[in-house]
Amino acid sequence: MAKKFSKLRESMSADAQAKSQAKAQTMLQEMPLQELRLARGLSQQTLAEILHVQQPAIAKMEKRTDMYLSTLRNHIRAMGGELDIIARFPDGEVRIQNFSTPDNEEKELVHSS
């Protein structure tokens, strides 16, 4: 007979519960696009409708290991998020800004003239 996870968690020591929670948070911070979409409660069909593409295009995109940043940015935005590009170095992190959206580029051009 299967046990409920909540019952199992209650029987764990406080240290084991803390380690389990930390591992779960780490897993939530790193996941493939397909798992992210599922975690956001979206089907491939729903995401395809938001992006105005066919469902097979979403399936293909989720399997890719290389794509344009603009494609990935649009995919993330369709799920309700924003994409940031971060470079990590031993002495700190730097957010890369020259991958802005076309809207931002147009605004920058207007303000610089």
PDB file of N, CA and C in Angstrom:
ATOM      1  N   MET A   1       0.838  -1.178   0.000  1.00  0.00           N
ATOM      2  CA  MET A   1       0.000   0.000   0.000  1.00  0.00           C
ATOM      3  C   MET A   1       0.885   1.244   0.000  1.00  0.00           C
ATOM      4  N   ALA A   2       0.584   2.203  -0.858  1.00  0.00           N
ATOM      5  CA  ALA A   2       1.362   3.435  -0.971  1.00  0.00           C
ATOM      6  C   ALA A   2       1.064   4.370   0.200  1.00  0.00           C
ATOM      7  N   LYS A   3       2.092   5.073   0.638  1.00  0.00           N
ATOM      8  CA  LYS A   3       1.931   6.042   1.719  1.00  0.00           C
ATOM      9  C   LYS A   3       1.925   7.442   1.135  1.00  0.00           C
ATOM     10  N   LYS A   4       1.226   8.335   1.769  1.00  0.00           N
ATOM     11  CA  LYS A   4       1.230   9.728   1.346  1.00  0.00           C
ATOM     12  C   LYS A   4       2.586  10.336   1.686  1.00  0.00           C
ATOM     13  N   PHE A   5       3.069  11.181   0.767  1.00  0.00           N
ATOM     14  CA  PHE A   5       4.374  11.809   0.994  1.00  0.00           C
ATOM     15  C   PHE A   5       4.353  12.680   2.240  1.00  0.00           C
ATOM     16  N   SER A   6       3.241  13.343   2.492  1.00  0.00           N
ATOM     17  CA  SER A   6       3.148  14.201   3.687  1.00  0.00           C
ATOM     18  C   SER A   6       3.376  13.396   4.957  1.00  0.00           C
ATOM     19  N   LYS A   7       2.889  12.146   5.010  1.00  0.00           N
ATOM     20  CA  LYS A   7       3.099  11.277   6.175  1.00  0.00           C
ATOM     21  C   LYS A   7       4.569  10.886   6.283  1.00  0.00           C
ATOM     22  N   LEU A   8       5.184  10.577   5.137  1.00  0.00           N
ATOM     23  CA  LEU A   8       6.605  10.231   5.138  1.00  0.00           C
ATOM     24  C   LEU A   8       7.445  11.419   5.600  1.00  0.00           C
ATOM     25  N   ARG A   9       7.107  12.616   5.113  1.00  0.00           N
ATOM     26  CA  ARG A   9       7.853  13.820   5.484  1.00  0.00           C
ATOM     27  C   ARG A   9       7.772  14.061   6.988  1.00  0.00           C
ATOM     28  N   GLU A  10       6.590  13.855   7.573  1.00  0.00           N
ATOM     29  CA  GLU A  10       6.414  14.058   9.010  1.00  0.00           C
ATOM     30  C   GLU A  10       7.310  13.143   9.833  1.00  0.00           C
ATOM     31  N   SER A  11       7.599  11.963   9.297  1.00  0.00           N
ATOM     32  CA  SER A  11       8.434  11.015  10.038  1.00  0.00           C
ATOM     33  C   SER A  11       9.932  11.288   9.855  1.00  0.00           C
ATOM     34  N   MET A  12      10.287  12.207   8.959  1.00  0.00           N
ATOM     35  CA  MET A  12      11.699  12.553   8.730  1.00  0.00           C
ATOM     36  C   MET A  12      12.206  13.487   9.821  1.00  0.00           C
ATOM     37  N   SER A  13      13.498  13.412  10.090  1.00  0.00           N
ATOM     38  CA  SER A  13      14.092  14.339  11.055  1.00  0.00           C
ATOM     39  C   SER A  13      14.064  15.757  10.475  1.00  0.00           C
ATOM     40  N   ALA A  14      14.186  16.749  11.331  1.00  0.00           N
ATOM     41  CA  ALA A  14      14.194  18.142  10.876  1.00  0.00           C
ATOM     42  C   ALA A  14      15.336  18.379   9.895  1.00  0.00           C
ATOM     43  N   ASP A  15      16.490  17.769  10.141  1.00  0.00           N
ATOM     44  CA  ASP A  15      17.652  17.919   9.259  1.00  0.00           C
ATOM     45  C   ASP A  15      17.351  17.315   7.883  1.00  0.00           C
ATOM     46  N   ALA A  16      16.749  16.134   7.871  1.00  0.00           N
ATOM     47  CA  ALA A  16      16.406  15.476   6.608  1.00  0.00           C
ATOM     48  C   ALA A  16      15.362  16.291   5.849  1.00  0.00           C
ATOM     49  N   GLN A  17      14.398  16.866   6.558  1.00  0.00           N
ATOM     50  CA  GLN A  17      13.387  17.705   5.912  1.00  0.00           C
ATOM     51  C   GLN A  17      14.037  18.936   5.286  1.00  0.00           C
ATOM     52  N   ALA A  18      14.981  19.558   5.990  1.00  0.00           N
ATOM     53  CA  ALA A  18      15.666  20.745   5.474  1.00  0.00           C
ATOM     54  C   ALA A  18      16.477  20.394   4.229  1.00  0.00           C
ATOM     55  N   LYS A  19      17.183  19.264   4.256  1.00  0.00           N
ATOM     56  CA  LYS A  19      17.965  18.835   3.098  1.00  0.00           C
ATOM     57  C   LYS A  19      17.059  18.540   1.908  1.00  0.00           C
ATOM     58  N   SER A  20      15.930  17.908   2.176  1.00  0.00           N
ATOM     59  CA  SER A  20      14.969  17.598   1.121  1.00  0.00           C
ATOM     60  C   SER A  20      14.415  18.867   0.497  1.00  0.00           C
ATOM     61  N   GLN A  21      14.086  19.842   1.348  1.00  0.00           N
ATOM     62  CA  GLN A  21      13.567  21.122   0.857  1.00  0.00           C
ATOM     63  C   GLN A  21      14.613  21.856   0.018  1.00  0.00           C
ATOM     64  N   ALA A  22      15.865  21.846   0.462  1.00  0.00           N
ATOM     65  CA  ALA A  22      16.942  22.512  -0.282  1.00  0.00           C
ATOM     66  C   ALA A  22      17.148  21.854  -1.641  1.00  0.00           C
ATOM     67  N   LYS A  23      17.110  20.523  -1.668  1.00  0.00           N
ATOM     68  CA  LYS A  23      17.275  19.812  -2.938  1.00  0.00           C
ATOM     69  C   LYS A  23      16.113  20.117  -3.886  1.00  0.00           C
ATOM     70  N   ALA A  24      14.902  20.178  -3.350  1.00  0.00           N
ATOM     71  CA  ALA A  24      13.731  20.498  -4.174  1.00  0.00           C
ATOM     72  C   ALA A  24      13.861  21.900  -4.764  1.00  0.00           C
ATOM     73  N   GLN A  25      14.324  22.871  -3.984  1.00  0.00           N
ATOM     74  CA  GLN A  25      14.505  24.234  -4.483  1.00  0.00           C
ATOM     75  C   GLN A  25      15.558  24.287  -5.580  1.00  0.00           C
ATOM     76  N   THR A  26      16.646  23.538  -5.409  1.00  0.00           N
ATOM     77  CA  THR A  26      17.694  23.480  -6.436  1.00  0.00           C
ATOM     78  C   THR A  26      17.130  22.895  -7.728  1.00  0.00           C
ATOM     79  N   MET A  27      16.334  21.843  -7.612  1.00  0.00           N
ATOM     80  CA  MET A  27      15.750  21.222  -8.791  1.00  0.00           C
ATOM     81  C   MET A  27      14.788  22.174  -9.493  1.00  0.00           C
ATOM     82  N   LEU A  28      14.073  22.998  -8.740  1.00  0.00           N
ATOM     83  CA  LEU A  28      13.144  23.949  -9.341  1.00  0.00           C
ATOM     84  C   LEU A  28      13.862  25.098 -10.040  1.00  0.00           C
ATOM     85  N   GLN A  29      15.117  25.354  -9.666  1.00  0.00           N
ATOM     86  CA  GLN A  29      15.877  26.447 -10.267  1.00  0.00           C
ATOM     87  C   GLN A  29      16.527  26.039 -11.577  1.00  0.00           C
ATOM     88  N   GLU A  30      16.607  24.753 -11.857  1.00  0.00           N
ATOM     89  CA  GLU A  30      17.238  24.272 -13.078  1.00  0.00           C
ATOM     90  C   GLU A  30      16.355  23.192 -13.687  1.00  0.00           C
ATOM     91  N   MET A  31      15.805  23.468 -14.864  1.00  0.00           N
ATOM     92  CA  MET A  31      14.985  22.460 -15.531  1.00  0.00           C
ATOM     93  C   MET A  31      14.918  22.727 -17.021  1.00  0.00           C
ATOM     94  N   PRO A  32      14.710  21.673 -17.799  1.00  0.00           N
ATOM     95  CA  PRO A  32      14.540  21.839 -19.246  1.00  0.00           C
ATOM     96  C   PRO A  32      13.253  22.607 -19.559  1.00  0.00           C
ATOM     97  N   LEU A  33      13.168  23.149 -20.766  1.00  0.00           N
ATOM     98  CA  LEU A  33      11.983  23.921 -21.173  1.00  0.00           C
ATOM     99  C   LEU A  33      10.691  23.134 -21.012  1.00  0.00           C
ATOM    100  N   GLN A  34      10.707  21.860 -21.365  1.00  0.00           N
ATOM    101  CA  GLN A  34       9.496  21.051 -21.259  1.00  0.00           C
ATOM    102  C   GLN A  34       9.017  20.982 -19.810  1.00  0.00           C
ATOM    103  N   GLU A  35       9.933  20.742 -18.881  1.00  0.00           N
ATOM    104  CA  GLU A  35       9.554  20.671 -17.467  1.00  0.00           C
ATOM    105  C   GLU A  35       9.094  22.031 -16.960  1.00  0.00           C
ATOM    106  N   LEU A  36       9.732  23.090 -17.429  1.00  0.00           N
ATOM    107  CA  LEU A  36       9.316  24.439 -17.038  1.00  0.00           C
ATOM    108  C   LEU A  36       7.887  24.706 -17.510  1.00  0.00           C
ATOM    109  N   ARG A  37       7.608  24.349 -18.755  1.00  0.00           N
ATOM    110  CA  ARG A  37       6.254  24.534 -19.286  1.00  0.00           C
ATOM    111  C   ARG A  37       5.238  23.767 -18.458  1.00  0.00           C
ATOM    112  N   LEU A  38       5.554  22.521 -18.137  1.00  0.00           N
ATOM    113  CA  LEU A  38       4.649  21.698 -17.333  1.00  0.00           C
ATOM    114  C   LEU A  38       4.473  22.272 -15.926  1.00  0.00           C
ATOM    115  N   ALA A  39       5.580  22.750 -15.345  1.00  0.00           N
ATOM    116  CA  ALA A  39       5.506  23.348 -14.007  1.00  0.00           C
ATOM    117  C   ALA A  39       4.640  24.609 -14.005  1.00  0.00           C
ATOM    118  N   ARG A  40       4.598  25.308 -15.144  1.00  0.00           N
ATOM    119  CA  ARG A  40       3.766  26.508 -15.274  1.00  0.00           C
ATOM    120  C   ARG A  40       2.316  26.146 -15.618  1.00  0.00           C
ATOM    121  N   GLY A  41       2.043  24.848 -15.777  1.00  0.00           N
ATOM    122  CA  GLY A  41       0.683  24.392 -16.039  1.00  0.00           C
ATOM    123  C   GLY A  41       0.210  24.638 -17.453  1.00  0.00           C
ATOM    124  N   LEU A  42       1.139  24.641 -18.410  1.00  0.00           N
ATOM    125  CA  LEU A  42       0.792  24.901 -19.808  1.00  0.00           C
ATOM    126  C   LEU A  42       0.990  23.649 -20.651  1.00  0.00           C
ATOM    127  N   SER A  43       0.073  23.421 -21.573  1.00  0.00           N
ATOM    128  CA  SER A  43       0.241  22.343 -22.542  1.00  0.00           C
ATOM    129  C   SER A  43       1.016  22.889 -23.740  1.00  0.00           C
ATOM    130  N   GLN A  44       1.539  21.994 -24.565  1.00  0.00           N
ATOM    131  CA  GLN A  44       2.210  22.433 -25.787  1.00  0.00           C
ATOM    132  C   GLN A  44       1.222  23.178 -26.674  1.00  0.00           C
ATOM    133  N   GLN A  45      -0.002  22.716 -26.737  1.00  0.00           N
ATOM    134  CA  GLN A  45      -1.016  23.347 -27.578  1.00  0.00           C
ATOM    135  C   GLN A  45      -1.315  24.771 -27.107  1.00  0.00           C
ATOM    136  N   THR A  46      -1.461  24.952 -25.800  1.00  0.00           N
ATOM    137  CA  THR A  46      -1.734  26.290 -25.258  1.00  0.00           C
ATOM    138  C   THR A  46      -0.578  27.233 -25.565  1.00  0.00           C
ATOM    139  N   LEU A  47       0.637  26.763 -25.351  1.00  0.00           N
ATOM    140  CA  LEU A  47       1.812  27.593 -25.624  1.00  0.00           C
ATOM    141  C   LEU A  47       1.901  27.908 -27.116  1.00  0.00           C
ATOM    142  N   ALA A  48       1.585  26.953 -27.957  1.00  0.00           N
ATOM    143  CA  ALA A  48       1.595  27.173 -29.408  1.00  0.00           C
ATOM    144  C   ALA A  48       0.595  28.256 -29.795  1.00  0.00           C
ATOM    145  N   GLU A  49      -0.577  28.237 -29.183  1.00  0.00           N
ATOM    146  CA  GLU A  49      -1.583  29.259 -29.469  1.00  0.00           C
ATOM    147  C   GLU A  49      -1.106  30.645 -29.051  1.00  0.00           C
ATOM    148  N   ILE A  50      -0.446  30.737 -27.907  1.00  0.00           N
ATOM    149  CA  ILE A  50       0.076  32.023 -27.432  1.00  0.00           C
ATOM    150  C   ILE A  50       1.136  32.556 -28.400  1.00  0.00           C
ATOM    151  N   LEU A  51       1.990  31.651 -28.893  1.00  0.00           N
ATOM    152  CA  LEU A  51       3.093  32.040 -29.776  1.00  0.00           C
ATOM    153  C   LEU A  51       2.693  32.092 -31.253  1.00  0.00           C
ATOM    154  N   HIS A  52       1.449  31.727 -31.556  1.00  0.00           N
ATOM    155  CA  HIS A  52       0.956  31.716 -32.937  1.00  0.00           C
ATOM    156  C   HIS A  52       1.768  30.790 -33.827  1.00  0.00           C
ATOM    157  N   VAL A  53       2.042  29.591 -33.308  1.00  0.00           N
ATOM    158  CA  VAL A  53       2.723  28.550 -34.080  1.00  0.00           C
ATOM    159  C   VAL A  53       1.929  27.258 -33.919  1.00  0.00           C
ATOM    160  N   GLN A  54       2.316  26.231 -34.669  1.00  0.00           N
ATOM    161  CA  GLN A  54       1.685  24.924 -34.543  1.00  0.00           C
ATOM    162  C   GLN A  54       2.302  24.162 -33.367  1.00  0.00           C
ATOM    163  N   GLN A  55       1.543  23.258 -32.767  1.00  0.00           N
ATOM    164  CA  GLN A  55       2.013  22.481 -31.616  1.00  0.00           C
ATOM    165  C   GLN A  55       3.315  21.724 -31.898  1.00  0.00           C
ATOM    166  N   PRO A  56       3.497  21.113 -33.083  1.00  0.00           N
ATOM    167  CA  PRO A  56       4.769  20.414 -33.334  1.00  0.00           C
ATOM    168  C   PRO A  56       5.991  21.334 -33.240  1.00  0.00           C
ATOM    169  N   ALA A  57       5.812  22.621 -33.506  1.00  0.00           N
ATOM    170  CA  ALA A  57       6.936  23.562 -33.386  1.00  0.00           C
ATOM    171  C   ALA A  57       7.377  23.686 -31.922  1.00  0.00           C
ATOM    172  N   ILE A  58       6.435  23.607 -31.001  1.00  0.00           N
ATOM    173  CA  ILE A  58       6.775  23.660 -29.570  1.00  0.00           C
ATOM    174  C   ILE A  58       7.523  22.397 -29.185  1.00  0.00           C
ATOM    175  N   ALA A  59       7.047  21.247 -29.627  1.00  0.00           N
ATOM    176  CA  ALA A  59       7.720  19.975 -29.328  1.00  0.00           C
ATOM    177  C   ALA A  59       9.154  19.998 -29.853  1.00  0.00           C
ATOM    178  N   LYS A  60       9.331  20.495 -31.059  1.00  0.00           N
ATOM    179  CA  LYS A  60      10.667  20.567 -31.664  1.00  0.00           C
ATOM    180  C   LYS A  60      11.567  21.529 -30.878  1.00  0.00           C
ATOM    181  N   MET A  61      11.014  22.682 -30.489  1.00  0.00           N
ATOM    182  CA  MET A  61      11.789  23.672 -29.753  1.00  0.00           C
ATOM    183  C   MET A  61      12.257  23.116 -28.409  1.00  0.00           C
ATOM    184  N   GLU A  62      11.390  22.370 -27.744  1.00  0.00           N
ATOM    185  CA  GLU A  62      11.739  21.829 -26.427  1.00  0.00           C
ATOM    186  C   GLU A  62      12.841  20.782 -26.492  1.00  0.00           C
ATOM    187  N   LYS A  63      13.069  20.213 -27.669  1.00  0.00           N
ATOM    188  CA  LYS A  63      14.113  19.196 -27.836  1.00  0.00           C
ATOM    189  C   LYS A  63      15.441  19.788 -28.287  1.00  0.00           C
ATOM    190  N   ARG A  64      15.423  21.047 -28.714  1.00  0.00           N
ATOM    191  CA  ARG A  64      16.631  21.677 -29.259  1.00  0.00           C
ATOM    192  C   ARG A  64      17.640  21.969 -28.159  1.00  0.00           C
ATOM    193  N   THR A  65      18.907  21.884 -28.516  1.00  0.00           N
ATOM    194  CA  THR A  65      19.972  22.261 -27.587  1.00  0.00           C
ATOM    195  C   THR A  65      20.590  23.599 -27.984  1.00  0.00           C
ATOM    196  N   ASP A  66      20.167  24.148 -29.128  1.00  0.00           N
ATOM    197  CA  ASP A  66      20.707  25.414 -29.613  1.00  0.00           C
ATOM    198  C   ASP A  66      19.580  26.173 -30.305  1.00  0.00           C
ATOM    199  N   MET A  67      19.423  27.465 -29.983  1.00  0.00           N
ATOM    200  CA  MET A  67      18.382  28.271 -30.621  1.00  0.00           C
ATOM    201  C   MET A  67      18.747  29.745 -30.482  1.00  0.00           C
ATOM    202  N   TYR A  68      18.066  30.574 -31.245  1.00  0.00           N
ATOM    203  CA  TYR A  68      18.250  32.010 -31.135  1.00  0.00           C
ATOM    204  C   TYR A  68      17.768  32.492 -29.774  1.00  0.00           C
ATOM    205  N   LEU A  69      18.452  33.490 -29.234  1.00  0.00           N
ATOM    206  CA  LEU A  69      18.014  34.085 -27.962  1.00  0.00           C
ATOM    207  C   LEU A  69      16.618  34.672 -28.083  1.00  0.00           C
ATOM    208  N   SER A  70      16.305  35.268 -29.233  1.00  0.00           N
ATOM    209  CA  SER A  70      14.978  35.858 -29.414  1.00  0.00           C
ATOM    210  C   SER A  70      13.895  34.783 -29.364  1.00  0.00           C
ATOM    211  N   THR A  71      14.175  33.605 -29.890  1.00  0.00           N
ATOM    212  CA  THR A  71      13.222  32.503 -29.847  1.00  0.00           C
ATOM    213  C   THR A  71      13.005  32.056 -28.404  1.00  0.00           C
ATOM    214  N   LEU A  72      14.102  31.888 -27.676  1.00  0.00           N
ATOM    215  CA  LEU A  72      14.007  31.485 -26.270  1.00  0.00           C
ATOM    216  C   LEU A  72      13.300  32.560 -25.447  1.00  0.00           C
ATOM    217  N   ARG A  73      13.625  33.837 -25.701  1.00  0.00           N
ATOM    218  CA  ARG A  73      12.985  34.944 -24.976  1.00  0.00           C
ATOM    219  C   ARG A  73      11.472  34.919 -25.189  1.00  0.00           C
ATOM    220  N   ASN A  74      11.038  34.747 -26.435  1.00  0.00           N
ATOM    221  CA  ASN A  74       9.609  34.688 -26.736  1.00  0.00           C
ATOM    222  C   ASN A  74       8.939  33.499 -26.057  1.00  0.00           C
ATOM    223  N   HIS A  75       9.617  32.375 -26.039  1.00  0.00           N
ATOM    224  CA  HIS A  75       9.097  31.161 -25.401  1.00  0.00           C
ATOM    225  C   HIS A  75       8.893  31.401 -23.897  1.00  0.00           C
ATOM    226  N   ILE A  76       9.892  32.000 -23.258  1.00  0.00           N
ATOM    227  CA  ILE A  76       9.819  32.280 -21.818  1.00  0.00           C
ATOM    228  C   ILE A  76       8.731  33.312 -21.533  1.00  0.00           C
ATOM    229  N   ARG A  77       8.639  34.351 -22.355  1.00  0.00           N
ATOM    230  CA  ARG A  77       7.600  35.375 -22.152  1.00  0.00           C
ATOM    231  C   ARG A  77       6.200  34.789 -22.303  1.00  0.00           C
ATOM    232  N   ALA A  78       6.037  33.845 -23.236  1.00  0.00           N
ATOM    233  CA  ALA A  78       4.737  33.211 -23.428  1.00  0.00           C
ATOM    234  C   ALA A  78       4.317  32.427 -22.189  1.00  0.00           C
ATOM    235  N   MET A  79       5.299  32.018 -21.377  1.00  0.00           N
ATOM    236  CA  MET A  79       5.014  31.320 -20.128  1.00  0.00           C
ATOM    237  C   MET A  79       4.861  32.289 -18.961  1.00  0.00           C
ATOM    238  N   GLY A  80       5.005  33.589 -19.236  1.00  0.00           N
ATOM    239  CA  GLY A  80       4.835  34.587 -18.191  1.00  0.00           C
ATOM    240  C   GLY A  80       6.119  35.035 -17.525  1.00  0.00           C
ATOM    241  N   GLY A  81       7.258  34.698 -18.110  1.00  0.00           N
ATOM    242  CA  GLY A  81       8.541  35.048 -17.504  1.00  0.00           C
ATOM    243  C   GLY A  81       9.338  36.026 -18.340  1.00  0.00           C
ATOM    244  N   GLU A  82      10.522  36.330 -17.871  1.00  0.00           N
ATOM    245  CA  GLU A  82      11.482  37.176 -18.583  1.00  0.00           C
ATOM    246  C   GLU A  82      12.811  36.437 -18.629  1.00  0.00           C
ATOM    247  N   LEU A  83      13.536  36.590 -19.707  1.00  0.00           N
ATOM    248  CA  LEU A  83      14.830  35.933 -19.877  1.00  0.00           C
ATOM    249  C   LEU A  83      15.940  36.926 -19.570  1.00  0.00           C
ATOM    250  N   ASP A  84      16.854  36.549 -18.689  1.00  0.00           N
ATOM    251  CA  ASP A  84      18.053  37.332 -18.391  1.00  0.00           C
ATOM    252  C   ASP A  84      19.264  36.485 -18.747  1.00  0.00           C
ATOM    253  N   ILE A  85      20.271  37.103 -19.338  1.00  0.00           N
ATOM    254  CA  ILE A  85      21.523  36.429 -19.642  1.00  0.00           C
ATOM    255  C   ILE A  85      22.539  36.892 -18.608  1.00  0.00           C
ATOM    256  N   ILE A  86      23.058  35.940 -17.840  1.00  0.00           N
ATOM    257  CA  ILE A  86      23.987  36.237 -16.756  1.00  0.00           C
ATOM    258  C   ILE A  86      25.313  35.533 -17.023  1.00  0.00           C
ATOM    259  N   ALA A  87      26.407  36.291 -16.972  1.00  0.00           N
ATOM    260  CA  ALA A  87      27.745  35.708 -17.066  1.00  0.00           C
ATOM    261  C   ALA A  87      28.278  35.564 -15.644  1.00  0.00           C
ATOM    262  N   ARG A  88      28.711  34.365 -15.277  1.00  0.00           N
ATOM    263  CA  ARG A  88      29.218  34.106 -13.929  1.00  0.00           C
ATOM    264  C   ARG A  88      30.735  33.959 -13.969  1.00  0.00           C
ATOM    265  N   PHE A  89      31.398  34.688 -13.090  1.00  0.00           N
ATOM    266  CA  PHE A  89      32.843  34.647 -12.961  1.00  0.00           C
ATOM    267  C   PHE A  89      33.188  34.327 -11.509  1.00  0.00           C
ATOM    268  N   PRO A  90      34.411  33.914 -11.242  1.00  0.00           N
ATOM    269  CA  PRO A  90      34.780  33.618  -9.849  1.00  0.00           C
ATOM    270  C   PRO A  90      34.558  34.808  -8.909  1.00  0.00           C
ATOM    271  N   ASP A  91      34.697  36.031  -9.441  1.00  0.00           N
ATOM    272  CA  ASP A  91      34.558  37.207  -8.570  1.00  0.00           C
ATOM    273  C   ASP A  91      33.185  37.873  -8.652  1.00  0.00           C
ATOM    274  N   GLY A  92      32.221  37.254  -9.335  1.00  0.00           N
ATOM    275  CA  GLY A  92      30.882  37.832  -9.353  1.00  0.00           C
ATOM    276  C   GLY A  92      30.128  37.541 -10.646  1.00  0.00           C
ATOM    277  N   GLU A  93      28.935  38.105 -10.741  1.00  0.00           N
ATOM    278  CA  GLU A  93      28.063  37.917 -11.889  1.00  0.00           C
ATOM    279  C   GLU A  93      27.840  39.237 -12.607  1.00  0.00           C
ATOM    280  N   VAL A  94      27.615  39.144 -13.935  1.00  0.00           N
ATOM    281  CA  VAL A  94      27.324  40.322 -14.744  1.00  0.00           C
ATOM    282  C   VAL A  94      26.123  39.996 -15.618  1.00  0.00           C
ATOM    283  N   ARG A  95      25.121  40.868 -15.583  1.00  0.00           N
ATOM    284  CA  ARG A  95      23.948  40.701 -16.450  1.00  0.00           C
ATOM    285  C   ARG A  95      24.282  41.327 -17.796  1.00  0.00           C
ATOM    286  N   ILE A  96      24.188  40.536 -18.861  1.00  0.00           N
ATOM    287  CA  ILE A  96      24.500  41.003 -20.203  1.00  0.00           C
ATOM    288  C   ILE A  96      23.273  41.728 -20.749  1.00  0.00           C
ATOM    289  N   GLN A  97      23.441  42.961 -21.211  1.00  0.00           N
ATOM    290  CA  GLN A  97      22.311  43.785 -21.619  1.00  0.00           C
ATOM    291  C   GLN A  97      22.158  43.955 -23.122  1.00  0.00           C
ATOM    292  N   ASN A  98      23.134  43.572 -23.934  1.00  0.00           N
ATOM    293  CA  ASN A  98      23.006  43.863 -25.361  1.00  0.00           C
ATOM    294  C   ASN A  98      22.136  42.857 -26.102  1.00  0.00           C
ATOM    295  N   PHE A  99      21.372  42.047 -25.400  1.00  0.00           N
ATOM    296  CA  PHE A  99      20.397  41.160 -26.022  1.00  0.00           C
ATOM    297  C   PHE A  99      18.999  41.670 -25.707  1.00  0.00           C
ATOM    298  N   SER A 100      18.795  42.965 -25.898  1.00  0.00           N
ATOM    299  CA  SER A 100      17.501  43.573 -25.590  1.00  0.00           C
ATOM    300  C   SER A 100      16.484  43.232 -26.664  1.00  0.00           C
ATOM    301  N   THR A 101      15.234  43.494 -26.358  1.00  0.00           N
ATOM    302  CA  THR A 101      14.158  43.224 -27.311  1.00  0.00           C
ATOM    303  C   THR A 101      14.139  44.306 -28.381  1.00  0.00           C
ATOM    304  N   PRO A 102      13.548  44.035 -29.528  1.00  0.00           N
ATOM    305  CA  PRO A 102      13.436  45.058 -30.570  1.00  0.00           C
ATOM    306  C   PRO A 102      12.734  46.320 -30.058  1.00  0.00           C
ATOM    307  N   ASP A 103      11.728  46.187 -29.190  1.00  0.00           N
ATOM    308  CA  ASP A 103      11.052  47.356 -28.635  1.00  0.00           C
ATOM    309  C   ASP A 103      12.029  48.227 -27.855  1.00  0.00           C
ATOM    310  N   ASN A 104      12.873  47.581 -27.040  1.00  0.00           N
ATOM    311  CA  ASN A 104      13.859  48.328 -26.255  1.00  0.00           C
ATOM    312  C   ASN A 104      14.888  48.984 -27.165  1.00  0.00           C
ATOM    313  N   GLU A 105      15.281  48.284 -28.232  1.00  0.00           N
ATOM    314  CA  GLU A 105      16.258  48.853 -29.155  1.00  0.00           C
ATOM    315  C   GLU A 105      15.703  50.104 -29.815  1.00  0.00           C
ATOM    316  N   GLU A 106      14.421  50.061 -30.197  1.00  0.00           N
ATOM    317  CA  GLU A 106      13.809  51.227 -30.816  1.00  0.00           C
ATOM    318  C   GLU A 106      13.767  52.395 -29.835  1.00  0.00           C
ATOM    319  N   LYS A 107      13.448  52.127 -28.585  1.00  0.00           N
ATOM    320  CA  LYS A 107      13.401  53.184 -27.564  1.00  0.00           C
ATOM    321  C   LYS A 107      14.787  53.784 -27.354  1.00  0.00           C
ATOM    322  N   GLU A 108      15.810  52.905 -27.316  1.00  0.00           N
ATOM    323  CA  GLU A 108      17.171  53.400 -27.123  1.00  0.00           C
ATOM    324  C   GLU A 108      17.588  54.291 -28.299  1.00  0.00           C
ATOM    325  N   LEU A 109      17.217  53.914 -29.505  1.00  0.00           N
ATOM    326  CA  LEU A 109      17.563  54.714 -30.664  1.00  0.00           C
ATOM    327  C   LEU A 109      16.864  56.073 -30.610  1.00  0.00           C
ATOM    328  N   VAL A 110      15.630  56.085 -30.172  1.00  0.00           N
ATOM    329  CA  VAL A 110      14.876  57.340 -30.083  1.00  0.00           C
ATOM    330  C   VAL A 110      15.497  58.248 -29.043  1.00  0.00           C
ATOM    331  N   HIS A 111      15.891  57.696 -27.900  1.00  0.00           N
ATOM    332  CA  HIS A 111      16.457  58.512 -26.825  1.00  0.00           C
ATOM    333  C   HIS A 111      17.879  58.995 -27.124  1.00  0.00           C
ATOM    334  N   SER A 112      18.618  58.253 -27.960  1.00  0.00           N
ATOM    335  CA  SER A 112      19.996  58.640 -28.212  1.00  0.00           C
ATOM    336  C   SER A 112      20.128  59.706 -29.306  1.00  0.00           C
ATOM    337  N   SER A 113      19.086  59.976 -30.069  1.00  0.00           N
ATOM    338  CA  SER A 113      19.212  60.949 -31.150  1.00  0.00           C
ATOM    339  C   SER A 113      18.866  62.354 -30.734  1.00  0.00           C
TER     340      SER A 113
END
